[in-house]
Amino acid sequence: MAQWHLDELHAALARRGWVVGACVGDGHAISATWALQRAGDPRRIYIDFEGLDERGSLPVERCYACAVRGTDLSLYFRRRGADVRAQARWSDELRAFVADLDQVAVADEAGS
């Protein structure tokens, strides 16, 4: 992953009304966690950033994927590449991830 993955994910979340809170890692199983929340909503959704190699947990800027805690929803951080199709694939997957995140929030609300 590169910083642009984080920037684009953060921007896509912000466009949908999500505010990214704490960015902390445990130094072992996950590289970092973003706590997401919407204004006026006390519930939080957590995105865990995955980045392990033979030496342990990578910094968040070098992660290769993220997943919404407690769900099967995940996003792989693809290479941007010079290929227009590769760029479109990343954009489509990012858009779908954020839209599915909205559905997780709605389902969580129905279960509350």
C-alpha atoms as a PDB file:
ATOM      1  CA  MET A   1       0.000   0.000   0.000  1.00  0.00           C
ATOM      2  CA  ALA A   2       0.994   3.571  -0.438  1.00  0.00           C
ATOM      3  CA  GLN A   3      -0.143   6.796   1.143  1.00  0.00           C
ATOM      4  CA  TRP A   4      -2.472   7.379  -1.816  1.00  0.00           C
ATOM      5  CA  HIS A   5      -4.498   4.294  -0.788  1.00  0.00           C
ATOM      6  CA  LEU A   6      -5.069   5.824   2.634  1.00  0.00           C
ATOM      7  CA  ASP A   7      -5.842   9.231   1.157  1.00  0.00           C
ATOM      8  CA  GLU A   8      -8.368   7.874  -1.352  1.00  0.00           C
ATOM      9  CA  LEU A   9     -10.029   5.621   1.236  1.00  0.00           C
ATOM     10  CA  HIS A  10     -10.231   8.498   3.714  1.00  0.00           C
ATOM     11  CA  ALA A  11     -11.722  10.827   1.070  1.00  0.00           C
ATOM     12  CA  ALA A  12     -14.276   8.215  -0.052  1.00  0.00           C
ATOM     13  CA  LEU A  13     -15.381   7.679   3.545  1.00  0.00           C
ATOM     14  CA  ALA A  14     -15.636  11.426   4.176  1.00  0.00           C
ATOM     15  CA  ARG A  15     -17.825  11.862   1.086  1.00  0.00           C
ATOM     16  CA  ARG A  16     -20.273   9.375   2.643  1.00  0.00           C
ATOM     17  CA  GLY A  17     -20.312  11.190   5.979  1.00  0.00           C
ATOM     18  CA  TRP A  18     -17.875   8.991   7.891  1.00  0.00           C
ATOM     19  CA  VAL A  19     -15.414  10.619  10.255  1.00  0.00           C
ATOM     20  CA  VAL A  20     -12.183   8.722  10.882  1.00  0.00           C
ATOM     21  CA  GLY A  21     -11.232   8.733  14.536  1.00  0.00           C
ATOM     22  CA  ALA A  22      -8.306   7.027  16.178  1.00  0.00           C
ATOM     23  CA  CYS A  23      -5.672   5.353  14.050  1.00  0.00           C
ATOM     24  CA  VAL A  24      -3.979   2.905  16.370  1.00  0.00           C
ATOM     25  CA  GLY A  25      -2.248  -0.423  15.918  1.00  0.00           C
ATOM     26  CA  ASP A  26      -1.521  -3.247  18.277  1.00  0.00           C
ATOM     27  CA  GLY A  27       1.907  -3.989  16.799  1.00  0.00           C
ATOM     28  CA  HIS A  28       1.050  -7.677  16.456  1.00  0.00           C
ATOM     29  CA  ALA A  29      -2.021  -8.884  14.588  1.00  0.00           C
ATOM     30  CA  ILE A  30      -2.991  -5.658  12.823  1.00  0.00           C
ATOM     31  CA  SER A  31      -1.083  -2.604  11.674  1.00  0.00           C
ATOM     32  CA  ALA A  32      -3.740  -0.040  12.541  1.00  0.00           C
ATOM     33  CA  THR A  33      -7.427   0.458  13.183  1.00  0.00           C
ATOM     34  CA  TRP A  34      -9.607   3.331  12.078  1.00  0.00           C
ATOM     35  CA  ALA A  35     -12.662   4.004  14.243  1.00  0.00           C
ATOM     36  CA  LEU A  36     -15.437   5.339  11.994  1.00  0.00           C
ATOM     37  CA  GLN A  37     -18.402   7.305  13.199  1.00  0.00           C
ATOM     38  CA  ARG A  38     -21.061   9.558  11.756  1.00  0.00           C
ATOM     39  CA  ALA A  39     -22.170  12.826  13.312  1.00  0.00           C
ATOM     40  CA  GLY A  40     -24.905  12.294  15.870  1.00  0.00           C
ATOM     41  CA  ASP A  41     -24.490   8.501  15.869  1.00  0.00           C
ATOM     42  CA  PRO A  42     -22.874   6.958  18.955  1.00  0.00           C
ATOM     43  CA  ARG A  43     -22.073   3.667  17.166  1.00  0.00           C
ATOM     44  CA  ARG A  44     -18.622   3.026  15.759  1.00  0.00           C
ATOM     45  CA  ILE A  45     -17.417   0.784  12.977  1.00  0.00           C
ATOM     46  CA  TYR A  46     -13.810  -0.358  12.970  1.00  0.00           C
ATOM     47  CA  ILE A  47     -11.595  -0.905   9.945  1.00  0.00           C
ATOM     48  CA  ASP A  48      -8.517  -3.015  10.671  1.00  0.00           C
ATOM     49  CA  PHE A  49      -5.508  -2.638   8.379  1.00  0.00           C
ATOM     50  CA  GLU A  50      -3.688  -5.856   7.591  1.00  0.00           C
ATOM     51  CA  GLY A  51       0.020  -5.854   7.017  1.00  0.00           C
ATOM     52  CA  LEU A  52       2.118  -8.707   8.333  1.00  0.00           C
ATOM     53  CA  ASP A  53       5.425  -9.970   7.045  1.00  0.00           C
ATOM     54  CA  GLU A  54       8.095 -12.269   8.466  1.00  0.00           C
ATOM     55  CA  ARG A  55       9.252  -9.537  10.875  1.00  0.00           C
ATOM     56  CA  GLY A  56       5.818  -8.688  12.243  1.00  0.00           C
ATOM     57  CA  SER A  57       3.304  -5.924  11.751  1.00  0.00           C
ATOM     58  CA  LEU A  58       4.002  -3.349   9.029  1.00  0.00           C
ATOM     59  CA  PRO A  59       3.305   0.374   9.390  1.00  0.00           C
ATOM     60  CA  VAL A  60      -0.148   1.340   8.127  1.00  0.00           C
ATOM     61  CA  GLU A  61       1.382   3.001   5.052  1.00  0.00           C
ATOM     62  CA  ARG A  62       2.663  -0.429   3.943  1.00  0.00           C
ATOM     63  CA  CYS A  63      -0.481  -2.498   4.560  1.00  0.00           C
ATOM     64  CA  TYR A  64      -1.928  -4.614   1.783  1.00  0.00           C
ATOM     65  CA  ALA A  65      -5.611  -4.750   2.786  1.00  0.00           C
ATOM     66  CA  CYS A  66      -8.211  -3.655   5.280  1.00  0.00           C
ATOM     67  CA  ALA A  67     -11.331  -5.311   6.677  1.00  0.00           C
ATOM     68  CA  VAL A  68     -14.375  -4.155   8.588  1.00  0.00           C
ATOM     69  CA  ARG A  69     -14.226  -5.812  11.994  1.00  0.00           C
ATOM     70  CA  GLY A  70     -16.900  -8.430  12.598  1.00  0.00           C
ATOM     71  CA  THR A  71     -17.809  -8.749   8.897  1.00  0.00           C
ATOM     72  CA  ASP A  72     -16.536 -10.354   5.708  1.00  0.00           C
ATOM     73  CA  LEU A  73     -16.130  -6.925   4.107  1.00  0.00           C
ATOM     74  CA  SER A  74     -12.566  -6.230   2.969  1.00  0.00           C
ATOM     75  CA  LEU A  75     -10.585  -4.192   0.466  1.00  0.00           C
ATOM     76  CA  TYR A  76      -7.290  -5.184  -1.162  1.00  0.00           C
ATOM     77  CA  PHE A  77      -4.878  -2.337  -1.884  1.00  0.00           C
ATOM     78  CA  ARG A  78      -4.007  -2.951  -5.509  1.00  0.00           C
ATOM     79  CA  ARG A  79      -1.162  -1.352  -7.377  1.00  0.00           C
ATOM     80  CA  ARG A  80      -2.311   1.709  -9.229  1.00  0.00           C
ATOM     81  CA  GLY A  81      -0.281   0.966 -12.322  1.00  0.00           C
ATOM     82  CA  ALA A  82      -0.259   2.886 -15.558  1.00  0.00           C
ATOM     83  CA  ASP A  83      -3.024   0.715 -16.977  1.00  0.00           C
ATOM     84  CA  VAL A  84      -6.383   2.510 -17.154  1.00  0.00           C
ATOM     85  CA  ARG A  85      -8.173  -0.786 -16.420  1.00  0.00           C
ATOM     86  CA  ALA A  86      -6.134  -1.291 -13.243  1.00  0.00           C
ATOM     87  CA  GLN A  87      -6.974   2.216 -12.086  1.00  0.00           C
ATOM     88  CA  ALA A  88     -10.664   1.656 -12.858  1.00  0.00           C
ATOM     89  CA  ARG A  89     -10.630  -1.647 -10.979  1.00  0.00           C
ATOM     90  CA  TRP A  90      -9.235   0.019  -7.853  1.00  0.00           C
ATOM     91  CA  SER A  91     -11.800   2.835  -8.105  1.00  0.00           C
ATOM     92  CA  ASP A  92     -14.661   0.359  -8.546  1.00  0.00           C
ATOM     93  CA  GLU A  93     -13.532  -1.789  -5.626  1.00  0.00           C
ATOM     94  CA  LEU A  94     -13.103   1.266  -3.382  1.00  0.00           C
ATOM     95  CA  ARG A  95     -16.561   2.569  -4.304  1.00  0.00           C
ATOM     96  CA  ALA A  96     -18.125  -0.852  -3.630  1.00  0.00           C
ATOM     97  CA  PHE A  97     -16.319  -1.167  -0.290  1.00  0.00           C
ATOM     98  CA  VAL A  98     -17.620   2.176   0.956  1.00  0.00           C
ATOM     99  CA  ALA A  99     -21.153   1.445  -0.306  1.00  0.00           C
ATOM    100  CA  ASP A 100     -21.081  -1.942   1.434  1.00  0.00           C
ATOM    101  CA  LEU A 101     -19.860  -0.218   4.585  1.00  0.00           C
ATOM    102  CA  ASP A 102     -23.032   1.879   4.500  1.00  0.00           C
ATOM    103  CA  GLN A 103     -25.030  -1.366   4.341  1.00  0.00           C
ATOM    104  CA  VAL A 104     -23.141  -2.718   7.381  1.00  0.00           C
ATOM    105  CA  ALA A 105     -24.108   0.424   9.282  1.00  0.00           C
ATOM    106  CA  VAL A 106     -27.763   0.053   8.258  1.00  0.00           C
ATOM    107  CA  ALA A 107     -27.805  -3.631   9.225  1.00  0.00           C
ATOM    108  CA  ASP A 108     -26.187  -2.775  12.560  1.00  0.00           C
ATOM    109  CA  GLU A 109     -28.849  -0.131  13.140  1.00  0.00           C
ATOM    110  CA  ALA A 110     -31.626  -2.656  12.442  1.00  0.00           C
ATOM    111  CA  GLY A 111     -30.063  -5.046  14.943  1.00  0.00           C
ATOM    112  CA  SER A 112     -29.777  -2.425  17.692  1.00  0.00           C
END
